[in-house]
Amino acid sequence: MPAVTFAVANQKGGVGKTTLLTNIAGVLAYKKHRVLVVDADPQCNATLFFTGPDDILPPSRTIAAIYGEKTENNADIILPTRFPTLNIVPGGFTLAGNVADIAQRFDAGRRMQGFLRDKKDLYDFIFIDCPPDIGIYTLNAFVAADYVIVPIQPERLALEGFSQLSDKIEMIQS
């Protein structure tokens, strides 16, 4: 059975997206489920959580490779973590500077989906950690995801933001 893919997203930063994702992924891995975490946030906090601060990688070994010129399998960017059943596609600080270049490509909105297509049979769950915006990386995650998890704070403005985000997700996934 192919993996169920979740994008964890919110337009607002500091709402617990990465914390929620790392905790859910960690518990599932502890329960022996095969989990892949894709760190699409240029802040790379999910990567730092699962690999540690000493593992600085060149862009060719991070998620940046998905959006580069090389469009083959890119399986070499999936790295092990300290959890035996949890792998990660590390985030890359170079993502922040590539947005304009990536948006020019004809397949820009489907790069993540293409990358994950042949990996879904290798995992039970895939989690995509999105940046705090609705840019090209978050849109890619929405296209690739079966479900979107949106952590919000119980505030009026947060609920209004959720409504706008929900409309965007429905439009993209329909």
N, C-alpha and C. Protein backbone atom coordinates (compact mmCIF):
# COMPACT_ATOMS: atom_id res chain seq x y z
N MET A 1 0.85 -1.18 0.00
CA MET A 1 0.00 0.00 0.00
C MET A 1 0.89 1.24 0.00
N PRO A 2 0.64 2.20 -0.91
CA PRO A 2 1.49 3.39 -0.98
C PRO A 2 1.33 4.29 0.25
N ALA A 3 2.36 5.06 0.50
CA ALA A 3 2.38 5.96 1.65
C ALA A 3 1.25 6.98 1.57
N VAL A 4 0.79 7.38 2.74
CA VAL A 4 -0.12 8.52 2.85
C VAL A 4 0.77 9.74 3.04
N THR A 5 0.54 10.76 2.23
CA THR A 5 1.39 11.95 2.25
C THR A 5 0.66 13.13 2.86
N PHE A 6 1.33 13.76 3.83
CA PHE A 6 0.79 14.93 4.52
C PHE A 6 1.71 16.12 4.30
N ALA A 7 1.14 17.26 3.95
CA ALA A 7 1.87 18.53 3.99
C ALA A 7 1.47 19.21 5.29
N VAL A 8 2.44 19.73 6.02
CA VAL A 8 2.16 20.46 7.26
C VAL A 8 2.47 21.92 6.95
N ALA A 9 1.42 22.75 6.94
CA ALA A 9 1.57 24.10 6.42
C ALA A 9 0.74 25.11 7.19
N ASN A 10 1.19 26.34 7.16
CA ASN A 10 0.45 27.51 7.63
C ASN A 10 1.19 28.72 7.10
N GLN A 11 0.46 29.76 6.72
CA GLN A 11 1.08 30.97 6.22
C GLN A 11 1.86 31.71 7.30
N LYS A 12 1.51 31.45 8.53
CA LYS A 12 2.11 32.14 9.67
C LYS A 12 3.22 31.28 10.26
N GLY A 13 4.30 31.90 10.62
CA GLY A 13 5.39 31.19 11.29
C GLY A 13 5.14 31.10 12.79
N GLY A 14 5.84 30.20 13.43
CA GLY A 14 5.77 30.10 14.89
C GLY A 14 4.52 29.47 15.45
N VAL A 15 3.80 28.69 14.63
CA VAL A 15 2.57 28.06 15.11
C VAL A 15 2.76 26.59 15.45
N GLY A 16 3.97 26.09 15.30
CA GLY A 16 4.24 24.71 15.70
C GLY A 16 4.23 23.69 14.58
N LYS A 17 4.35 24.14 13.32
CA LYS A 17 4.33 23.20 12.19
C LYS A 17 5.42 22.14 12.32
N THR A 18 6.64 22.59 12.45
CA THR A 18 7.77 21.65 12.49
C THR A 18 7.75 20.82 13.76
N THR A 19 7.38 21.42 14.88
CA THR A 19 7.30 20.66 16.14
C THR A 19 6.27 19.55 16.02
N LEU A 20 5.11 19.87 15.48
CA LEU A 20 4.06 18.86 15.29
C LEU A 20 4.55 17.75 14.36
N LEU A 21 5.12 18.13 13.23
CA LEU A 21 5.60 17.16 12.26
C LEU A 21 6.66 16.24 12.85
N THR A 22 7.66 16.80 13.53
CA THR A 22 8.73 15.96 14.07
C THR A 22 8.22 15.02 15.15
N ASN A 23 7.26 15.46 15.93
CA ASN A 23 6.70 14.59 16.96
C ASN A 23 5.86 13.46 16.37
N ILE A 24 5.00 13.77 15.42
CA ILE A 24 4.19 12.72 14.79
C ILE A 24 5.09 11.73 14.05
N ALA A 25 6.02 12.25 13.26
CA ALA A 25 6.93 11.37 12.51
C ALA A 25 7.76 10.51 13.45
N GLY A 26 8.25 11.10 14.53
CA GLY A 26 9.05 10.35 15.50
C GLY A 26 8.27 9.23 16.16
N VAL A 27 7.03 9.51 16.55
CA VAL A 27 6.20 8.48 17.19
C VAL A 27 5.89 7.35 16.20
N LEU A 28 5.57 7.71 14.96
CA LEU A 28 5.29 6.68 13.95
C LEU A 28 6.53 5.82 13.69
N ALA A 29 7.70 6.44 13.64
CA ALA A 29 8.94 5.68 13.45
C ALA A 29 9.21 4.79 14.66
N TYR A 30 8.96 5.29 15.84
CA TYR A 30 9.12 4.50 17.07
C TYR A 30 8.22 3.27 17.04
N LYS A 31 7.04 3.42 16.43
CA LYS A 31 6.08 2.31 16.30
C LYS A 31 6.41 1.43 15.08
N LYS A 32 7.59 1.63 14.50
CA LYS A 32 8.12 0.81 13.39
C LYS A 32 7.46 1.07 12.04
N HIS A 33 6.77 2.18 11.90
CA HIS A 33 6.27 2.56 10.58
C HIS A 33 7.42 3.16 9.78
N ARG A 34 7.39 2.96 8.48
CA ARG A 34 8.41 3.54 7.60
C ARG A 34 7.97 4.97 7.26
N VAL A 35 8.82 5.94 7.63
CA VAL A 35 8.46 7.35 7.52
C VAL A 35 9.52 8.10 6.72
N LEU A 36 9.05 8.97 5.83
CA LEU A 36 9.94 9.89 5.13
C LEU A 36 9.51 11.31 5.48
N VAL A 37 10.46 12.12 5.91
CA VAL A 37 10.22 13.54 6.16
C VAL A 37 10.92 14.32 5.05
N VAL A 38 10.19 15.23 4.42
CA VAL A 38 10.75 16.09 3.38
C VAL A 38 10.76 17.50 3.95
N ASP A 39 11.94 18.06 4.13
CA ASP A 39 12.08 19.39 4.72
C ASP A 39 12.10 20.43 3.61
N ALA A 40 10.93 21.01 3.31
CA ALA A 40 10.80 22.01 2.25
C ALA A 40 10.88 23.43 2.78
N ASP A 41 11.23 23.58 4.04
CA ASP A 41 11.34 24.90 4.67
C ASP A 41 12.81 25.32 4.67
N PRO A 42 13.15 26.46 4.04
CA PRO A 42 14.54 26.90 4.01
C PRO A 42 15.17 27.10 5.40
N GLN A 43 14.36 27.19 6.44
CA GLN A 43 14.92 27.28 7.80
C GLN A 43 15.55 25.96 8.23
N CYS A 44 15.15 24.85 7.61
CA CYS A 44 15.75 23.52 7.82
C CYS A 44 15.63 22.99 9.24
N ASN A 45 14.63 23.39 9.99
CA ASN A 45 14.53 22.94 11.38
C ASN A 45 14.22 21.46 11.51
N ALA A 46 13.43 20.89 10.62
CA ALA A 46 13.18 19.44 10.67
C ALA A 46 14.49 18.68 10.42
N THR A 47 15.28 19.17 9.48
CA THR A 47 16.58 18.55 9.21
C THR A 47 17.47 18.62 10.43
N LEU A 48 17.54 19.78 11.05
CA LEU A 48 18.37 19.93 12.25
C LEU A 48 17.89 19.02 13.37
N PHE A 49 16.58 18.86 13.50
CA PHE A 49 16.04 17.99 14.55
C PHE A 49 16.45 16.54 14.33
N PHE A 50 16.33 16.06 13.11
CA PHE A 50 16.57 14.64 12.85
C PHE A 50 18.03 14.29 12.56
N THR A 51 18.84 15.27 12.13
CA THR A 51 20.23 14.94 11.78
C THR A 51 21.26 15.62 12.66
N GLY A 52 20.94 16.76 13.22
CA GLY A 52 21.90 17.49 14.04
C GLY A 52 22.56 18.61 13.26
N PRO A 53 23.17 19.56 13.96
CA PRO A 53 23.73 20.75 13.33
C PRO A 53 25.04 20.51 12.58
N ASP A 54 25.67 19.36 12.76
CA ASP A 54 26.97 19.12 12.12
C ASP A 54 26.85 18.57 10.71
N ASP A 55 25.66 18.27 10.28
CA ASP A 55 25.47 17.65 8.97
C ASP A 55 25.08 18.67 7.91
N ILE A 56 25.96 19.61 7.62
CA ILE A 56 25.72 20.60 6.57
C ILE A 56 26.05 19.94 5.24
N LEU A 57 25.10 19.95 4.34
CA LEU A 57 25.25 19.23 3.07
C LEU A 57 25.27 20.20 1.90
N PRO A 58 25.93 19.80 0.81
CA PRO A 58 25.87 20.63 -0.40
C PRO A 58 24.46 20.56 -0.99
N PRO A 59 24.06 21.58 -1.76
CA PRO A 59 22.70 21.60 -2.33
C PRO A 59 22.34 20.33 -3.10
N SER A 60 23.32 19.69 -3.72
CA SER A 60 23.04 18.48 -4.51
C SER A 60 22.60 17.31 -3.63
N ARG A 61 22.76 17.42 -2.31
CA ARG A 61 22.35 16.35 -1.39
C ARG A 61 21.16 16.78 -0.53
N THR A 62 20.46 17.85 -0.96
CA THR A 62 19.30 18.36 -0.21
C THR A 62 18.09 18.44 -1.13
N ILE A 63 17.00 18.92 -0.59
CA ILE A 63 15.78 19.10 -1.38
C ILE A 63 16.01 20.02 -2.58
N ALA A 64 17.02 20.87 -2.51
CA ALA A 64 17.32 21.77 -3.63
C ALA A 64 17.55 20.98 -4.92
N ALA A 65 18.02 19.73 -4.81
CA ALA A 65 18.26 18.90 -5.99
C ALA A 65 16.96 18.61 -6.75
N ILE A 66 15.85 18.53 -6.04
CA ILE A 66 14.56 18.27 -6.70
C ILE A 66 14.21 19.41 -7.65
N TYR A 67 14.62 20.61 -7.28
CA TYR A 67 14.27 21.79 -8.06
C TYR A 67 15.38 22.24 -8.99
N GLY A 68 16.47 21.48 -9.04
CA GLY A 68 17.60 21.81 -9.90
C GLY A 68 17.41 21.32 -11.31
N GLU A 69 18.48 21.37 -12.08
CA GLU A 69 18.44 20.93 -13.47
C GLU A 69 18.29 19.42 -13.57
N LYS A 70 18.88 18.70 -12.63
CA LYS A 70 18.81 17.24 -12.64
C LYS A 70 17.41 16.81 -12.22
N THR A 71 16.74 16.10 -13.09
CA THR A 71 15.36 15.70 -12.78
C THR A 71 15.20 14.19 -12.67
N GLU A 72 16.32 13.46 -12.60
CA GLU A 72 16.21 12.02 -12.46
C GLU A 72 15.70 11.68 -11.07
N ASN A 73 15.86 10.44 -10.70
CA ASN A 73 15.34 9.86 -9.47
C ASN A 73 15.68 10.64 -8.20
N ASN A 74 16.89 11.13 -8.07
CA ASN A 74 17.34 11.86 -6.88
C ASN A 74 17.25 11.06 -5.60
N ALA A 75 17.28 9.74 -5.67
CA ALA A 75 17.17 8.90 -4.47
C ALA A 75 18.33 9.14 -3.51
N ASP A 76 19.46 9.65 -4.01
CA ASP A 76 20.62 9.87 -3.15
C ASP A 76 20.44 11.02 -2.17
N ILE A 77 19.36 11.77 -2.27
CA ILE A 77 19.14 12.85 -1.29
C ILE A 77 18.31 12.37 -0.10
N ILE A 78 17.87 11.13 -0.11
CA ILE A 78 17.14 10.57 1.04
C ILE A 78 18.17 10.00 2.00
N LEU A 79 18.22 10.56 3.20
CA LEU A 79 19.25 10.18 4.17
C LEU A 79 18.64 9.49 5.38
N PRO A 80 19.41 8.60 6.01
CA PRO A 80 18.95 7.97 7.26
C PRO A 80 19.01 8.97 8.41
N THR A 81 18.31 8.66 9.48
CA THR A 81 18.35 9.47 10.70
C THR A 81 18.67 8.54 11.86
N ARG A 82 18.62 9.07 13.07
CA ARG A 82 18.87 8.23 14.24
C ARG A 82 17.73 7.25 14.51
N PHE A 83 16.61 7.42 13.82
CA PHE A 83 15.49 6.48 13.91
C PHE A 83 15.63 5.48 12.76
N PRO A 84 15.71 4.19 13.03
CA PRO A 84 15.96 3.21 11.96
C PRO A 84 14.92 3.20 10.84
N THR A 85 13.68 3.56 11.13
CA THR A 85 12.64 3.51 10.10
C THR A 85 12.22 4.90 9.61
N LEU A 86 13.04 5.91 9.89
CA LEU A 86 12.72 7.27 9.47
C LEU A 86 13.87 7.82 8.64
N ASN A 87 13.55 8.25 7.43
CA ASN A 87 14.53 8.89 6.55
C ASN A 87 14.10 10.34 6.33
N ILE A 88 15.06 11.13 5.85
CA ILE A 88 14.75 12.55 5.61
C ILE A 88 15.36 13.01 4.30
N VAL A 89 14.62 13.87 3.62
CA VAL A 89 15.16 14.65 2.52
C VAL A 89 15.52 15.98 3.17
N PRO A 90 16.82 16.24 3.36
CA PRO A 90 17.22 17.44 4.11
C PRO A 90 16.82 18.73 3.41
N GLY A 91 16.51 19.71 4.23
CA GLY A 91 16.26 21.04 3.72
C GLY A 91 17.57 21.66 3.28
N GLY A 92 17.48 22.71 2.50
CA GLY A 92 18.67 23.41 2.04
C GLY A 92 18.47 24.90 2.14
N PHE A 93 19.44 25.57 2.72
CA PHE A 93 19.35 27.02 2.85
C PHE A 93 19.30 27.68 1.48
N THR A 94 19.79 27.00 0.45
CA THR A 94 19.80 27.58 -0.89
C THR A 94 18.40 27.68 -1.49
N LEU A 95 17.42 27.01 -0.89
CA LEU A 95 16.05 27.09 -1.42
C LEU A 95 15.56 28.53 -1.48
N ALA A 96 15.91 29.32 -0.50
CA ALA A 96 15.39 30.69 -0.40
C ALA A 96 15.75 31.52 -1.63
N GLY A 97 16.91 31.28 -2.22
CA GLY A 97 17.34 32.08 -3.35
C GLY A 97 16.90 31.57 -4.70
N ASN A 98 16.33 30.39 -4.78
CA ASN A 98 16.04 29.76 -6.06
C ASN A 98 14.62 29.99 -6.57
N VAL A 99 13.79 30.67 -5.82
CA VAL A 99 12.36 30.76 -6.15
C VAL A 99 12.11 31.30 -7.55
N ALA A 100 12.75 32.39 -7.92
CA ALA A 100 12.50 32.99 -9.24
C ALA A 100 12.90 32.03 -10.36
N ASP A 101 14.04 31.37 -10.21
CA ASP A 101 14.49 30.42 -11.23
C ASP A 101 13.53 29.25 -11.36
N ILE A 102 13.09 28.72 -10.24
CA ILE A 102 12.22 27.55 -10.24
C ILE A 102 10.86 27.88 -10.86
N ALA A 103 10.33 29.04 -10.54
CA ALA A 103 9.01 29.44 -11.03
C ALA A 103 8.98 29.52 -12.56
N GLN A 104 10.14 29.71 -13.20
CA GLN A 104 10.21 29.82 -14.66
C GLN A 104 10.04 28.47 -15.36
N ARG A 105 10.27 27.38 -14.66
CA ARG A 105 10.24 26.06 -15.28
C ARG A 105 8.81 25.59 -15.53
N PHE A 106 8.61 24.90 -16.63
CA PHE A 106 7.26 24.45 -17.01
C PHE A 106 6.66 23.49 -16.00
N ASP A 107 7.49 22.72 -15.31
CA ASP A 107 6.98 21.73 -14.36
C ASP A 107 7.14 22.17 -12.91
N ALA A 108 7.29 23.46 -12.70
CA ALA A 108 7.61 23.98 -11.37
C ALA A 108 6.64 23.52 -10.29
N GLY A 109 5.37 23.47 -10.60
CA GLY A 109 4.36 23.12 -9.59
C GLY A 109 4.24 21.64 -9.29
N ARG A 110 4.97 20.82 -10.04
CA ARG A 110 4.82 19.36 -9.86
C ARG A 110 6.14 18.65 -9.54
N ARG A 111 7.18 19.40 -9.23
CA ARG A 111 8.48 18.77 -8.95
C ARG A 111 8.42 17.83 -7.75
N MET A 112 7.80 18.25 -6.67
CA MET A 112 7.71 17.41 -5.47
C MET A 112 6.90 16.15 -5.76
N GLN A 113 5.79 16.31 -6.44
CA GLN A 113 4.95 15.17 -6.78
C GLN A 113 5.73 14.15 -7.62
N GLY A 114 6.48 14.63 -8.58
CA GLY A 114 7.28 13.74 -9.41
C GLY A 114 8.35 13.02 -8.62
N PHE A 115 8.99 13.73 -7.71
CA PHE A 115 10.02 13.13 -6.87
C PHE A 115 9.45 12.03 -5.98
N LEU A 116 8.29 12.27 -5.39
CA LEU A 116 7.72 11.32 -4.44
C LEU A 116 7.02 10.13 -5.10
N ARG A 117 6.67 10.26 -6.36
CA ARG A 117 5.86 9.24 -7.03
C ARG A 117 6.41 7.82 -6.85
N ASP A 118 7.69 7.61 -7.13
CA ASP A 118 8.23 6.26 -7.05
C ASP A 118 8.75 5.90 -5.66
N LYS A 119 8.57 6.78 -4.71
CA LYS A 119 9.00 6.50 -3.34
C LYS A 119 7.84 6.13 -2.42
N LYS A 120 6.63 6.31 -2.89
CA LYS A 120 5.45 6.07 -2.05
C LYS A 120 5.31 4.61 -1.62
N ASP A 121 5.82 3.69 -2.41
CA ASP A 121 5.75 2.27 -2.04
C ASP A 121 6.82 1.88 -1.02
N LEU A 122 7.78 2.75 -0.77
CA LEU A 122 8.86 2.45 0.17
C LEU A 122 8.53 2.88 1.60
N TYR A 123 7.46 3.67 1.76
CA TYR A 123 7.14 4.24 3.07
C TYR A 123 5.67 4.04 3.40
N ASP A 124 5.36 4.14 4.69
CA ASP A 124 3.97 4.12 5.14
C ASP A 124 3.41 5.54 5.21
N PHE A 125 4.28 6.48 5.61
CA PHE A 125 3.87 7.88 5.78
C PHE A 125 4.96 8.79 5.23
N ILE A 126 4.54 9.86 4.57
CA ILE A 126 5.45 10.91 4.12
C ILE A 126 4.91 12.23 4.66
N PHE A 127 5.80 13.00 5.28
CA PHE A 127 5.44 14.31 5.82
C PHE A 127 6.31 15.37 5.15
N ILE A 128 5.67 16.43 4.67
CA ILE A 128 6.38 17.54 4.04
C ILE A 128 6.26 18.75 4.95
N ASP A 129 7.40 19.24 5.43
CA ASP A 129 7.44 20.43 6.28
C ASP A 129 7.52 21.65 5.38
N CYS A 130 6.48 22.47 5.38
CA CYS A 130 6.38 23.61 4.48
C CYS A 130 6.89 24.89 5.13
N PRO A 131 7.37 25.83 4.32
CA PRO A 131 7.75 27.13 4.86
C PRO A 131 6.50 27.93 5.24
N PRO A 132 6.67 28.99 6.04
CA PRO A 132 5.51 29.79 6.46
C PRO A 132 5.07 30.79 5.39
N ASP A 133 4.68 30.28 4.24
CA ASP A 133 4.17 31.12 3.16
C ASP A 133 3.41 30.23 2.18
N ILE A 134 2.84 30.84 1.17
CA ILE A 134 2.17 30.08 0.12
C ILE A 134 2.94 30.31 -1.18
N GLY A 135 4.22 29.98 -1.15
CA GLY A 135 5.08 30.12 -2.31
C GLY A 135 5.20 28.81 -3.07
N ILE A 136 6.18 28.74 -3.94
CA ILE A 136 6.34 27.61 -4.84
C ILE A 136 6.56 26.29 -4.10
N TYR A 137 7.28 26.30 -2.97
CA TYR A 137 7.55 25.06 -2.25
C TYR A 137 6.30 24.54 -1.54
N THR A 138 5.53 25.44 -0.98
CA THR A 138 4.28 25.04 -0.33
C THR A 138 3.27 24.56 -1.37
N LEU A 139 3.18 25.25 -2.49
CA LEU A 139 2.27 24.81 -3.55
C LEU A 139 2.65 23.43 -4.06
N ASN A 140 3.94 23.17 -4.21
CA ASN A 140 4.41 21.84 -4.61
C ASN A 140 3.98 20.79 -3.59
N ALA A 141 4.09 21.13 -2.32
CA ALA A 141 3.68 20.19 -1.26
C ALA A 141 2.19 19.91 -1.33
N PHE A 142 1.38 20.93 -1.58
CA PHE A 142 -0.07 20.74 -1.69
C PHE A 142 -0.42 19.81 -2.85
N VAL A 143 0.27 19.96 -3.96
CA VAL A 143 0.02 19.10 -5.12
C VAL A 143 0.40 17.66 -4.81
N ALA A 144 1.50 17.46 -4.09
CA ALA A 144 2.00 16.11 -3.79
C ALA A 144 1.26 15.43 -2.65
N ALA A 145 0.60 16.20 -1.79
CA ALA A 145 0.02 15.65 -0.56
C ALA A 145 -1.38 15.06 -0.77
N ASP A 146 -1.65 14.02 0.01
CA ASP A 146 -3.01 13.49 0.08
C ASP A 146 -3.84 14.32 1.05
N TYR A 147 -3.19 14.82 2.09
CA TYR A 147 -3.85 15.61 3.14
C TYR A 147 -2.93 16.76 3.55
N VAL A 148 -3.55 17.82 4.07
CA VAL A 148 -2.79 18.95 4.59
C VAL A 148 -3.16 19.14 6.05
N ILE A 149 -2.15 19.21 6.90
CA ILE A 149 -2.34 19.50 8.33
C ILE A 149 -2.00 20.96 8.53
N VAL A 150 -2.92 21.72 9.12
CA VAL A 150 -2.72 23.15 9.34
C VAL A 150 -2.82 23.44 10.83
N PRO A 151 -1.69 23.50 11.54
CA PRO A 151 -1.75 23.87 12.95
C PRO A 151 -2.09 25.36 13.08
N ILE A 152 -3.04 25.68 13.92
CA ILE A 152 -3.38 27.09 14.13
C ILE A 152 -3.53 27.39 15.61
N GLN A 153 -3.37 28.65 15.93
CA GLN A 153 -3.63 29.12 17.28
C GLN A 153 -5.09 29.54 17.35
N PRO A 154 -5.75 29.33 18.48
CA PRO A 154 -7.18 29.66 18.58
C PRO A 154 -7.41 31.17 18.73
N GLU A 155 -7.18 31.88 17.64
CA GLU A 155 -7.37 33.33 17.60
C GLU A 155 -8.20 33.68 16.37
N ARG A 156 -8.91 34.79 16.43
CA ARG A 156 -9.77 35.20 15.33
C ARG A 156 -9.00 35.35 14.02
N LEU A 157 -7.88 36.06 14.04
CA LEU A 157 -7.12 36.28 12.81
C LEU A 157 -6.55 34.97 12.26
N ALA A 158 -6.16 34.07 13.15
CA ALA A 158 -5.64 32.77 12.71
C ALA A 158 -6.73 31.97 12.01
N LEU A 159 -7.95 32.06 12.51
CA LEU A 159 -9.07 31.35 11.89
C LEU A 159 -9.39 31.92 10.51
N GLU A 160 -9.29 33.24 10.37
CA GLU A 160 -9.50 33.86 9.07
C GLU A 160 -8.41 33.43 8.09
N GLY A 161 -7.17 33.39 8.57
CA GLY A 161 -6.06 32.92 7.73
C GLY A 161 -6.25 31.47 7.32
N PHE A 162 -6.77 30.65 8.24
CA PHE A 162 -7.03 29.25 7.94
C PHE A 162 -8.07 29.13 6.83
N SER A 163 -9.10 29.95 6.88
CA SER A 163 -10.15 29.91 5.86
C SER A 163 -9.56 30.22 4.48
N GLN A 164 -8.70 31.23 4.40
CA GLN A 164 -8.06 31.58 3.13
C GLN A 164 -7.16 30.44 2.65
N LEU A 165 -6.40 29.86 3.57
CA LEU A 165 -5.51 28.76 3.23
C LEU A 165 -6.30 27.54 2.76
N SER A 166 -7.40 27.26 3.42
CA SER A 166 -8.25 26.14 3.06
C SER A 166 -8.79 26.30 1.63
N ASP A 167 -9.20 27.51 1.28
CA ASP A 167 -9.67 27.77 -0.08
C ASP A 167 -8.57 27.51 -1.11
N LYS A 168 -7.35 27.94 -0.79
CA LYS A 168 -6.21 27.74 -1.69
C LYS A 168 -5.91 26.25 -1.86
N ILE A 169 -5.95 25.49 -0.78
CA ILE A 169 -5.70 24.05 -0.84
C ILE A 169 -6.74 23.36 -1.71
N GLU A 170 -8.00 23.69 -1.51
CA GLU A 170 -9.08 23.09 -2.32
C GLU A 170 -8.89 23.39 -3.80
N MET A 171 -8.51 24.62 -4.11
CA MET A 171 -8.31 25.01 -5.50
C MET A 171 -7.17 24.21 -6.12
N ILE A 172 -6.08 24.03 -5.39
CA ILE A 172 -4.91 23.33 -5.92
C ILE A 172 -5.16 21.84 -6.06
N GLN A 173 -5.83 21.25 -5.08
CA GLN A 173 -6.00 19.80 -5.09
C GLN A 173 -7.20 19.34 -5.91
N SER A 174 -7.99 20.26 -6.44
CA SER A 174 -9.15 19.84 -7.25
C SER A 174 -8.77 19.69 -8.71
